[in-house]
Amino acid sequence: MYELQPHSVYCPYCGENLDVLIDNSEDEQDYIEDCQVCCRPIRFLVQIDNDGDAMVIVQDENDV
């Protein structure tokens, strides 16, 4: 059964701590979500391990 996992991340622009929900139904994810504070686009890179736990990396939208 898949569910949303809460995670805390820091915005790469303003540095604010953000609480986000990660969908663990897909093993690898790459998407953009706006910061809840400064409204700038944050790139989320998510990998789900075999136990269903998420590793979340956030980047500036322009990071390669």
Protein backbone atom coordinates (compact mmCIF):
# COMPACT_ATOMS: atom_id res chain seq x y z
CA MET A 1 0.00 0.00 0.00
CA TYR A 2 1.35 3.40 -1.00
CA GLU A 3 0.99 6.52 1.03
CA LEU A 4 2.37 10.03 1.29
CA GLN A 5 5.44 10.35 3.50
CA PRO A 6 6.13 13.63 5.30
CA HIS A 7 9.61 15.08 4.76
CA SER A 8 11.36 18.27 5.80
CA VAL A 9 13.56 19.98 3.22
CA TYR A 10 15.26 23.36 2.95
CA CYS A 11 14.53 25.69 0.05
CA PRO A 12 17.72 26.13 -2.03
CA TYR A 13 16.78 29.79 -2.58
CA CYS A 14 15.54 31.25 0.72
CA GLY A 15 16.76 28.51 3.09
CA GLU A 16 13.36 28.14 4.74
CA ASN A 17 12.50 24.74 6.24
CA LEU A 18 9.55 23.24 4.33
CA ASP A 19 7.34 20.31 5.24
CA VAL A 20 6.39 18.38 2.09
CA LEU A 21 4.57 15.13 1.34
CA ILE A 22 6.36 12.61 -0.88
CA ASP A 23 4.40 10.03 -2.88
CA ASN A 24 6.24 6.72 -2.51
CA SER A 25 4.27 4.93 -5.26
CA GLU A 26 7.03 5.51 -7.87
CA ASP A 27 10.64 4.41 -7.39
CA GLU A 28 12.22 7.46 -9.05
CA GLN A 29 10.74 10.92 -9.40
CA ASP A 30 11.97 14.24 -10.80
CA TYR A 31 9.58 17.17 -10.56
CA ILE A 32 9.28 20.89 -9.84
CA GLU A 33 7.31 22.32 -6.93
CA ASP A 34 7.20 25.97 -5.89
CA CYS A 35 8.57 27.01 -2.49
CA GLN A 36 5.74 27.72 -0.05
CA VAL A 37 7.59 30.82 1.20
CA CYS A 38 9.45 32.51 -1.69
CA CYS A 39 7.44 30.89 -4.55
CA ARG A 40 10.56 29.99 -6.55
CA PRO A 41 10.67 26.63 -8.38
CA ILE A 42 12.43 23.82 -6.50
CA ARG A 43 13.53 20.66 -8.32
CA PHE A 44 12.77 17.51 -6.31
CA LEU A 45 14.74 14.32 -7.01
CA VAL A 46 13.23 11.39 -5.15
CA GLN A 47 14.32 7.76 -4.92
CA ILE A 48 12.35 5.14 -2.99
CA ASP A 49 14.30 2.26 -1.45
CA ASN A 50 13.11 -1.36 -1.06
CA ASP A 51 11.60 -0.56 2.35
CA GLY A 52 9.48 2.23 0.86
CA ASP A 53 11.53 5.03 2.43
CA ALA A 54 12.25 8.11 0.34
CA MET A 55 15.58 9.83 -0.23
CA VAL A 56 14.81 13.41 -1.25
CA ILE A 57 17.25 15.86 -2.84
CA VAL A 58 16.17 19.42 -3.58
CA GLN A 59 17.97 21.69 -6.03
CA ASP A 60 17.80 25.12 -7.56
CA GLU A 61 15.81 24.75 -10.78
CA ASN A 62 18.93 25.61 -12.82
CA ASP A 63 21.26 23.04 -11.16
CA VAL A 64 22.28 20.29 -13.54
